């Protein structure tokens, strides 16, 4: 219900999250100069992450070069954290730009990173429109945040 009610409110939930200072509460894992990595609160799959610029822009071609580069760089780092913590066999990585492409939030561009495992096809969404997420978001946030912090320390 909380998601349904919030989605009908004006404004951009990504801008709200990025402007807030409550990173743990908002599931923000890393803040860069131009972009941030956060967990999807309503994930397609466990470990579903988003990389988004701070600027409220709707398309890749209107992003500045630094934003584009950092978005992709953070996506690569996020894949490394997911490999370390969750050991997926692969990833779906992509941007749904515009409503026709399936963007749920078409006004603020974001890149999806969805970890995948061999044989992870799930019949629940097809039969019952239900998603099964086997780990609490807070628990996974703590593990991924630790991995992100370690990678930041190693880079220094």
N, C-alpha and C. Protein backbone atom coordinates (compact mmCIF):
# COMPACT_ATOMS: atom_id res chain seq x y z
N UNK A 1 0.81 -1.19 0.00
CA UNK A 1 0.00 0.00 0.00
C UNK A 1 0.86 1.26 0.00
N UNK A 2 1.95 1.22 0.78
CA UNK A 2 2.84 2.39 0.86
C UNK A 2 3.35 2.77 -0.53
N UNK A 3 3.75 1.78 -1.34
CA UNK A 3 4.25 2.03 -2.69
C UNK A 3 3.17 2.63 -3.57
N UNK A 4 1.96 2.09 -3.51
CA UNK A 4 0.86 2.57 -4.34
C UNK A 4 0.54 4.02 -4.00
N UNK A 5 0.45 4.32 -2.71
CA UNK A 5 0.13 5.69 -2.30
C UNK A 5 1.22 6.67 -2.67
N UNK A 6 2.48 6.26 -2.50
CA UNK A 6 3.59 7.16 -2.85
C UNK A 6 3.65 7.40 -4.35
N UNK A 7 3.35 6.39 -5.15
CA UNK A 7 3.47 6.55 -6.59
C UNK A 7 2.48 7.55 -7.15
N UNK A 8 1.41 7.82 -6.42
CA UNK A 8 0.43 8.79 -6.91
C UNK A 8 0.75 10.21 -6.44
N UNK A 9 1.77 10.38 -5.61
CA UNK A 9 2.15 11.70 -5.15
C UNK A 9 3.02 12.39 -6.19
N UNK A 10 2.92 13.73 -6.27
CA UNK A 10 3.76 14.44 -7.24
C UNK A 10 5.23 14.39 -6.80
N UNK A 11 6.11 14.60 -7.77
CA UNK A 11 7.54 14.60 -7.47
C UNK A 11 8.21 13.32 -7.94
N UNK A 12 9.48 13.24 -7.65
CA UNK A 12 10.30 12.12 -8.11
C UNK A 12 10.90 11.41 -6.90
N UNK A 13 10.59 10.12 -6.75
CA UNK A 13 11.11 9.41 -5.59
C UNK A 13 12.63 9.31 -5.62
N UNK A 14 13.24 9.25 -6.80
CA UNK A 14 14.71 9.20 -6.87
C UNK A 14 15.30 10.52 -6.39
N UNK A 15 14.75 11.64 -6.82
CA UNK A 15 15.23 12.94 -6.34
C UNK A 15 15.08 13.05 -4.83
N UNK A 16 13.94 12.58 -4.31
CA UNK A 16 13.71 12.62 -2.86
C UNK A 16 14.78 11.81 -2.13
N UNK A 17 15.07 10.63 -2.62
CA UNK A 17 16.09 9.77 -1.99
C UNK A 17 17.47 10.42 -2.08
N UNK A 18 17.82 10.94 -3.25
CA UNK A 18 19.15 11.51 -3.46
C UNK A 18 19.37 12.78 -2.66
N UNK A 19 18.30 13.52 -2.38
CA UNK A 19 18.42 14.75 -1.59
C UNK A 19 18.40 14.49 -0.09
N UNK A 20 17.92 13.33 0.31
CA UNK A 20 17.87 12.99 1.74
C UNK A 20 19.25 12.57 2.22
N UNK A 21 19.42 12.59 3.51
CA UNK A 21 20.70 12.16 4.10
C UNK A 21 20.57 10.81 4.79
N UNK A 22 19.44 10.15 4.67
CA UNK A 22 19.19 8.86 5.32
C UNK A 22 19.52 7.72 4.36
N UNK A 23 20.81 7.52 4.10
CA UNK A 23 21.21 6.52 3.10
C UNK A 23 20.78 5.11 3.47
N UNK A 24 20.94 4.70 4.71
CA UNK A 24 20.54 3.34 5.06
C UNK A 24 19.03 3.17 4.91
N UNK A 25 18.27 4.11 5.40
CA UNK A 25 16.82 4.04 5.30
C UNK A 25 16.37 4.01 3.84
N UNK A 26 17.08 4.73 2.99
CA UNK A 26 16.73 4.79 1.56
C UNK A 26 17.48 3.78 0.71
N UNK A 27 18.24 2.91 1.36
CA UNK A 27 18.96 1.81 0.70
C UNK A 27 20.03 2.29 -0.28
N UNK A 28 20.61 3.46 -0.03
CA UNK A 28 21.69 3.97 -0.86
C UNK A 28 22.99 3.28 -0.44
N UNK A 29 23.69 2.71 -1.41
CA UNK A 29 24.92 1.98 -1.13
C UNK A 29 26.18 2.81 -1.32
N UNK A 30 26.18 3.65 -2.34
CA UNK A 30 27.36 4.47 -2.63
C UNK A 30 26.92 5.73 -3.33
N UNK A 31 27.55 6.82 -2.96
CA UNK A 31 27.34 8.11 -3.62
C UNK A 31 28.64 8.49 -4.30
N UNK A 32 28.55 8.76 -5.59
CA UNK A 32 29.69 9.25 -6.33
C UNK A 32 29.57 10.76 -6.50
N UNK A 33 30.37 11.29 -7.41
CA UNK A 33 30.33 12.73 -7.68
C UNK A 33 29.06 13.12 -8.43
N UNK A 34 28.63 12.28 -9.38
CA UNK A 34 27.49 12.60 -10.24
C UNK A 34 26.32 11.65 -10.09
N UNK A 35 26.57 10.44 -9.56
CA UNK A 35 25.56 9.39 -9.53
C UNK A 35 25.62 8.64 -8.20
N UNK A 36 24.57 7.87 -7.94
CA UNK A 36 24.52 7.04 -6.74
C UNK A 36 24.02 5.64 -7.10
N UNK A 37 24.37 4.68 -6.25
CA UNK A 37 23.89 3.30 -6.37
C UNK A 37 22.96 3.04 -5.20
N UNK A 38 21.78 2.52 -5.51
CA UNK A 38 20.84 2.18 -4.46
C UNK A 38 20.14 0.88 -4.78
N UNK A 39 19.60 0.28 -3.74
CA UNK A 39 18.84 -0.95 -3.92
C UNK A 39 17.43 -0.60 -4.38
N UNK A 40 16.88 -1.42 -5.22
CA UNK A 40 15.49 -1.26 -5.63
C UNK A 40 14.61 -1.76 -4.49
N UNK A 41 13.78 -0.91 -3.95
CA UNK A 41 12.91 -1.27 -2.82
C UNK A 41 11.86 -2.32 -3.24
N UNK A 42 11.53 -2.38 -4.52
CA UNK A 42 10.55 -3.35 -5.02
C UNK A 42 11.22 -4.15 -6.14
N UNK A 43 12.16 -5.03 -5.75
CA UNK A 43 13.05 -5.66 -6.74
C UNK A 43 12.38 -6.71 -7.61
N UNK A 44 12.92 -6.81 -8.81
CA UNK A 44 12.54 -7.90 -9.72
C UNK A 44 13.14 -9.20 -9.21
N UNK A 45 14.33 -9.10 -8.65
CA UNK A 45 15.08 -10.25 -8.15
C UNK A 45 15.88 -9.78 -6.95
N UNK A 46 16.22 -10.66 -6.05
CA UNK A 46 17.04 -10.29 -4.90
C UNK A 46 18.35 -9.67 -5.38
N UNK A 47 18.72 -8.52 -4.80
CA UNK A 47 19.95 -7.84 -5.20
C UNK A 47 19.78 -6.85 -6.33
N UNK A 48 18.56 -6.57 -6.74
CA UNK A 48 18.28 -5.64 -7.84
C UNK A 48 18.71 -4.23 -7.43
N UNK A 49 19.69 -3.67 -8.14
CA UNK A 49 20.25 -2.36 -7.83
C UNK A 49 19.91 -1.36 -8.93
N UNK A 50 19.97 -0.08 -8.58
CA UNK A 50 19.78 1.01 -9.52
C UNK A 50 20.98 1.95 -9.45
N UNK A 51 21.41 2.46 -10.58
CA UNK A 51 22.42 3.51 -10.63
C UNK A 51 21.76 4.70 -11.32
N UNK A 52 21.80 5.86 -10.67
CA UNK A 52 21.08 7.01 -11.21
C UNK A 52 21.87 8.29 -10.99
N UNK A 53 21.76 9.22 -11.92
CA UNK A 53 22.42 10.52 -11.71
C UNK A 53 21.65 11.35 -10.69
N UNK A 54 22.35 12.27 -10.05
CA UNK A 54 21.70 13.20 -9.13
C UNK A 54 20.77 14.15 -9.89
N UNK A 55 21.22 14.55 -11.09
CA UNK A 55 20.39 15.47 -11.89
C UNK A 55 19.14 14.75 -12.38
N UNK A 56 18.04 15.45 -12.38
CA UNK A 56 16.76 14.93 -12.83
C UNK A 56 16.72 15.07 -14.36
N UNK A 57 17.22 14.06 -15.05
CA UNK A 57 17.21 14.03 -16.51
C UNK A 57 16.55 12.73 -16.96
N UNK A 58 15.96 12.76 -18.15
CA UNK A 58 15.16 11.63 -18.59
C UNK A 58 15.79 10.76 -19.67
N UNK A 59 16.97 11.12 -20.16
CA UNK A 59 17.53 10.36 -21.27
C UNK A 59 19.06 10.34 -21.21
N UNK A 60 19.60 9.27 -21.73
CA UNK A 60 21.05 9.09 -21.76
C UNK A 60 21.74 10.20 -22.56
N UNK A 61 21.12 10.63 -23.64
CA UNK A 61 21.76 11.62 -24.51
C UNK A 61 21.74 13.03 -23.93
N UNK A 62 21.01 13.28 -22.85
CA UNK A 62 21.06 14.60 -22.21
C UNK A 62 21.92 14.58 -20.94
N UNK A 63 22.44 13.41 -20.62
CA UNK A 63 23.38 13.33 -19.49
C UNK A 63 24.72 13.90 -19.91
N UNK A 64 25.43 14.48 -18.98
CA UNK A 64 26.78 14.97 -19.25
C UNK A 64 27.74 13.78 -19.30
N UNK A 65 28.86 13.96 -19.98
CA UNK A 65 29.83 12.88 -20.15
C UNK A 65 30.27 12.30 -18.81
N UNK A 66 30.52 13.15 -17.83
CA UNK A 66 30.93 12.66 -16.51
C UNK A 66 29.87 11.82 -15.83
N UNK A 67 28.61 12.19 -16.03
CA UNK A 67 27.50 11.41 -15.47
C UNK A 67 27.42 10.04 -16.14
N UNK A 68 27.55 10.03 -17.47
CA UNK A 68 27.49 8.77 -18.20
C UNK A 68 28.63 7.84 -17.78
N UNK A 69 29.84 8.39 -17.70
CA UNK A 69 31.00 7.58 -17.34
C UNK A 69 30.87 7.04 -15.92
N UNK A 70 30.44 7.90 -15.00
CA UNK A 70 30.32 7.44 -13.61
C UNK A 70 29.20 6.42 -13.47
N UNK A 71 28.10 6.59 -14.21
CA UNK A 71 27.01 5.62 -14.14
C UNK A 71 27.52 4.23 -14.52
N UNK A 72 28.26 4.15 -15.60
CA UNK A 72 28.77 2.85 -16.04
C UNK A 72 29.84 2.33 -15.08
N UNK A 73 30.70 3.21 -14.60
CA UNK A 73 31.73 2.79 -13.65
C UNK A 73 31.12 2.26 -12.36
N UNK A 74 30.10 2.95 -11.84
CA UNK A 74 29.44 2.48 -10.63
C UNK A 74 28.70 1.17 -10.88
N UNK A 75 28.16 1.00 -12.08
CA UNK A 75 27.50 -0.26 -12.41
C UNK A 75 28.51 -1.41 -12.35
N UNK A 76 29.70 -1.18 -12.87
CA UNK A 76 30.74 -2.21 -12.79
C UNK A 76 31.13 -2.53 -11.36
N UNK A 77 31.27 -1.50 -10.54
CA UNK A 77 31.58 -1.72 -9.13
C UNK A 77 30.46 -2.49 -8.43
N UNK A 78 29.23 -2.11 -8.72
CA UNK A 78 28.08 -2.77 -8.10
C UNK A 78 28.03 -4.26 -8.47
N UNK A 79 28.38 -4.58 -9.71
CA UNK A 79 28.43 -6.00 -10.11
C UNK A 79 29.48 -6.74 -9.28
N UNK A 80 30.62 -6.09 -9.02
CA UNK A 80 31.66 -6.72 -8.20
C UNK A 80 31.15 -6.97 -6.78
N UNK A 81 30.42 -6.01 -6.20
CA UNK A 81 29.87 -6.21 -4.85
C UNK A 81 28.88 -7.36 -4.84
N UNK A 82 28.02 -7.40 -5.86
CA UNK A 82 27.03 -8.48 -5.94
C UNK A 82 27.72 -9.83 -6.11
N UNK A 83 28.77 -9.90 -6.93
CA UNK A 83 29.52 -11.15 -7.08
C UNK A 83 30.09 -11.60 -5.74
N UNK A 84 30.64 -10.66 -5.00
CA UNK A 84 31.26 -10.97 -3.71
C UNK A 84 30.22 -11.45 -2.69
N UNK A 85 29.09 -10.79 -2.63
CA UNK A 85 28.10 -11.07 -1.60
C UNK A 85 27.12 -12.18 -1.99
N UNK A 86 26.70 -12.22 -3.25
CA UNK A 86 25.61 -13.11 -3.66
C UNK A 86 26.02 -14.21 -4.63
N UNK A 87 27.18 -14.06 -5.26
CA UNK A 87 27.70 -15.05 -6.21
C UNK A 87 26.73 -15.40 -7.35
N UNK A 88 26.20 -14.39 -8.05
CA UNK A 88 25.31 -14.70 -9.19
C UNK A 88 26.11 -15.28 -10.36
N UNK A 89 25.40 -15.92 -11.26
CA UNK A 89 26.01 -16.49 -12.46
C UNK A 89 26.06 -15.48 -13.61
N UNK A 90 25.29 -14.40 -13.48
CA UNK A 90 25.26 -13.38 -14.52
C UNK A 90 24.42 -12.20 -14.07
N UNK A 91 24.23 -11.25 -14.98
CA UNK A 91 23.47 -10.04 -14.67
C UNK A 91 22.63 -9.63 -15.88
N UNK A 92 21.46 -9.06 -15.61
CA UNK A 92 20.74 -8.27 -16.60
C UNK A 92 21.05 -6.83 -16.24
N UNK A 93 21.57 -6.07 -17.19
CA UNK A 93 21.93 -4.67 -16.97
C UNK A 93 21.29 -3.86 -18.09
N UNK A 94 20.54 -2.82 -17.70
CA UNK A 94 19.92 -2.05 -18.76
C UNK A 94 19.20 -0.81 -18.28
N UNK A 95 18.82 0.00 -19.27
CA UNK A 95 18.08 1.23 -19.05
C UNK A 95 16.80 1.16 -19.86
N UNK A 96 15.66 1.37 -19.20
CA UNK A 96 14.38 1.46 -19.88
C UNK A 96 14.09 2.95 -20.03
N UNK A 97 14.36 3.47 -21.20
CA UNK A 97 14.24 4.91 -21.45
C UNK A 97 12.92 5.19 -22.14
N UNK A 98 11.99 5.83 -21.43
CA UNK A 98 10.68 6.16 -21.98
C UNK A 98 9.64 5.12 -21.63
N UNK A 99 8.39 5.54 -21.59
CA UNK A 99 7.29 4.66 -21.22
C UNK A 99 7.16 3.48 -22.18
N UNK A 100 7.37 3.71 -23.46
CA UNK A 100 7.24 2.64 -24.45
C UNK A 100 8.28 1.54 -24.24
N UNK A 101 9.39 1.88 -23.60
CA UNK A 101 10.44 0.90 -23.32
C UNK A 101 10.25 0.21 -21.97
N UNK A 102 9.19 0.58 -21.26
CA UNK A 102 8.90 -0.08 -19.99
C UNK A 102 9.36 0.69 -18.76
N UNK A 103 9.77 1.93 -18.92
CA UNK A 103 10.23 2.71 -17.77
C UNK A 103 9.07 2.99 -16.83
N UNK A 104 9.21 2.56 -15.58
CA UNK A 104 8.21 2.87 -14.57
C UNK A 104 8.31 4.32 -14.12
N UNK A 105 9.52 4.83 -14.12
CA UNK A 105 9.78 6.25 -13.82
C UNK A 105 10.50 6.80 -15.04
N UNK A 106 9.77 7.38 -15.95
CA UNK A 106 10.37 7.82 -17.22
C UNK A 106 11.05 9.17 -17.13
N UNK A 107 10.80 9.94 -16.05
CA UNK A 107 11.34 11.29 -15.95
C UNK A 107 12.76 11.36 -15.39
N UNK A 108 13.23 10.30 -14.72
CA UNK A 108 14.56 10.30 -14.09
C UNK A 108 15.26 9.01 -14.50
N UNK A 109 16.21 9.12 -15.39
CA UNK A 109 16.90 7.95 -15.94
C UNK A 109 17.61 7.18 -14.83
N UNK A 110 17.61 5.87 -14.96
CA UNK A 110 18.32 5.00 -14.03
C UNK A 110 18.65 3.69 -14.73
N UNK A 111 19.76 3.13 -14.32
CA UNK A 111 20.25 1.88 -14.89
C UNK A 111 19.94 0.76 -13.90
N UNK A 112 19.39 -0.32 -14.39
CA UNK A 112 19.06 -1.48 -13.56
C UNK A 112 20.18 -2.50 -13.62
N UNK A 113 20.49 -3.10 -12.47
CA UNK A 113 21.41 -4.24 -12.40
C UNK A 113 20.65 -5.33 -11.66
N UNK A 114 20.37 -6.43 -12.35
CA UNK A 114 19.62 -7.53 -11.75
C UNK A 114 20.50 -8.77 -11.78
N UNK A 115 20.93 -9.26 -10.60
CA UNK A 115 21.72 -10.49 -10.58
C UNK A 115 20.86 -11.68 -10.98
N UNK A 116 21.46 -12.62 -11.70
CA UNK A 116 20.73 -13.80 -12.17
C UNK A 116 21.55 -15.05 -11.87
N UNK A 117 20.85 -16.15 -11.67
CA UNK A 117 21.47 -17.43 -11.39
C UNK A 117 20.96 -18.44 -12.40
N UNK A 118 21.83 -19.39 -12.77
CA UNK A 118 21.40 -20.45 -13.67
C UNK A 118 20.18 -21.14 -13.07
N UNK A 119 19.14 -21.27 -13.87
CA UNK A 119 17.92 -21.94 -13.41
C UNK A 119 17.05 -21.12 -12.49
N UNK A 120 17.24 -19.79 -12.44
CA UNK A 120 16.45 -18.98 -11.50
C UNK A 120 15.07 -18.58 -12.03
N UNK A 121 14.63 -19.17 -13.12
CA UNK A 121 13.31 -18.85 -13.64
C UNK A 121 12.29 -19.11 -12.54
N UNK A 122 11.46 -18.14 -12.31
CA UNK A 122 10.51 -18.21 -11.21
C UNK A 122 9.11 -18.19 -11.78
N UNK A 123 8.31 -19.20 -11.47
CA UNK A 123 6.96 -19.29 -11.99
C UNK A 123 5.96 -18.44 -11.21
N UNK A 124 6.32 -17.99 -10.02
CA UNK A 124 5.37 -17.24 -9.18
C UNK A 124 4.84 -15.96 -9.85
N UNK A 125 5.70 -15.11 -10.45
CA UNK A 125 5.16 -13.91 -11.09
C UNK A 125 4.21 -14.22 -12.25
N UNK A 126 4.46 -15.34 -12.94
CA UNK A 126 3.64 -15.70 -14.09
C UNK A 126 2.27 -16.21 -13.64
N UNK A 127 2.26 -17.07 -12.63
CA UNK A 127 1.01 -17.69 -12.20
C UNK A 127 0.21 -16.85 -11.22
N UNK A 128 0.90 -16.14 -10.32
CA UNK A 128 0.18 -15.48 -9.23
C UNK A 128 0.51 -14.00 -9.08
N UNK A 129 1.31 -13.44 -9.99
CA UNK A 129 1.74 -12.04 -9.89
C UNK A 129 2.36 -11.75 -8.51
N UNK A 130 3.15 -12.71 -8.03
CA UNK A 130 3.82 -12.62 -6.73
C UNK A 130 5.31 -12.77 -6.95
N UNK A 131 6.10 -11.95 -6.25
CA UNK A 131 7.55 -12.06 -6.32
C UNK A 131 8.06 -12.59 -4.99
N UNK A 132 9.01 -13.50 -5.06
CA UNK A 132 9.59 -14.08 -3.85
C UNK A 132 11.01 -13.55 -3.73
N UNK A 133 11.27 -12.85 -2.64
CA UNK A 133 12.60 -12.30 -2.36
C UNK A 133 13.08 -12.99 -1.09
N UNK A 134 14.13 -13.84 -1.18
CA UNK A 134 14.50 -14.69 -0.05
C UNK A 134 15.33 -14.02 1.05
N UNK A 135 15.59 -12.74 0.95
CA UNK A 135 16.42 -12.08 1.94
C UNK A 135 15.89 -10.67 2.19
N UNK A 136 15.85 -10.28 3.47
CA UNK A 136 15.37 -8.95 3.82
C UNK A 136 16.27 -7.87 3.20
N UNK A 137 15.67 -6.79 2.73
CA UNK A 137 16.43 -5.71 2.10
C UNK A 137 17.47 -5.12 3.04
N UNK A 138 17.12 -4.92 4.31
CA UNK A 138 18.06 -4.37 5.28
C UNK A 138 19.29 -5.25 5.46
N UNK A 139 19.05 -6.54 5.53
CA UNK A 139 20.16 -7.50 5.69
C UNK A 139 21.09 -7.45 4.48
N UNK A 140 20.52 -7.47 3.29
CA UNK A 140 21.33 -7.42 2.08
C UNK A 140 22.02 -6.07 1.94
N UNK A 141 21.33 -4.97 2.32
CA UNK A 141 21.95 -3.64 2.29
C UNK A 141 23.23 -3.65 3.11
N UNK A 142 23.20 -4.21 4.32
CA UNK A 142 24.37 -4.23 5.20
C UNK A 142 25.52 -4.99 4.55
N UNK A 143 25.25 -6.12 3.92
CA UNK A 143 26.30 -6.90 3.26
C UNK A 143 26.88 -6.15 2.06
N UNK A 144 26.02 -5.57 1.23
CA UNK A 144 26.50 -4.84 0.05
C UNK A 144 27.20 -3.54 0.44
N UNK A 145 26.71 -2.87 1.47
CA UNK A 145 27.35 -1.65 1.94
C UNK A 145 28.77 -1.94 2.43
N UNK A 146 28.95 -3.05 3.13
CA UNK A 146 30.28 -3.46 3.59
C UNK A 146 31.19 -3.74 2.40
N UNK A 147 30.68 -4.43 1.40
CA UNK A 147 31.47 -4.71 0.19
C UNK A 147 31.83 -3.42 -0.53
N UNK A 148 30.89 -2.47 -0.60
CA UNK A 148 31.16 -1.18 -1.25
C UNK A 148 32.23 -0.40 -0.49
N UNK A 149 32.14 -0.41 0.83
CA UNK A 149 33.13 0.29 1.65
C UNK A 149 34.51 -0.32 1.49
N UNK A 150 34.59 -1.64 1.44
CA UNK A 150 35.89 -2.31 1.25
C UNK A 150 36.49 -1.95 -0.11
N UNK A 151 35.66 -1.90 -1.14
CA UNK A 151 36.19 -1.57 -2.47
C UNK A 151 36.66 -0.12 -2.52
N UNK A 152 35.98 0.77 -1.80
CA UNK A 152 36.40 2.16 -1.76
C UNK A 152 37.74 2.30 -1.02
N UNK A 153 37.92 1.54 0.05
CA UNK A 153 39.18 1.57 0.78
C UNK A 153 40.33 1.01 -0.06
N UNK A 154 40.05 -0.04 -0.81
CA UNK A 154 41.08 -0.66 -1.65
C UNK A 154 41.50 0.26 -2.78
N UNK A 155 40.60 1.13 -3.23
CA UNK A 155 40.89 2.05 -4.33
C UNK A 155 41.77 3.21 -3.89
N UNK A 156 41.85 3.46 -2.58
CA UNK A 156 42.63 4.61 -2.08
C UNK A 156 44.09 4.30 -2.02
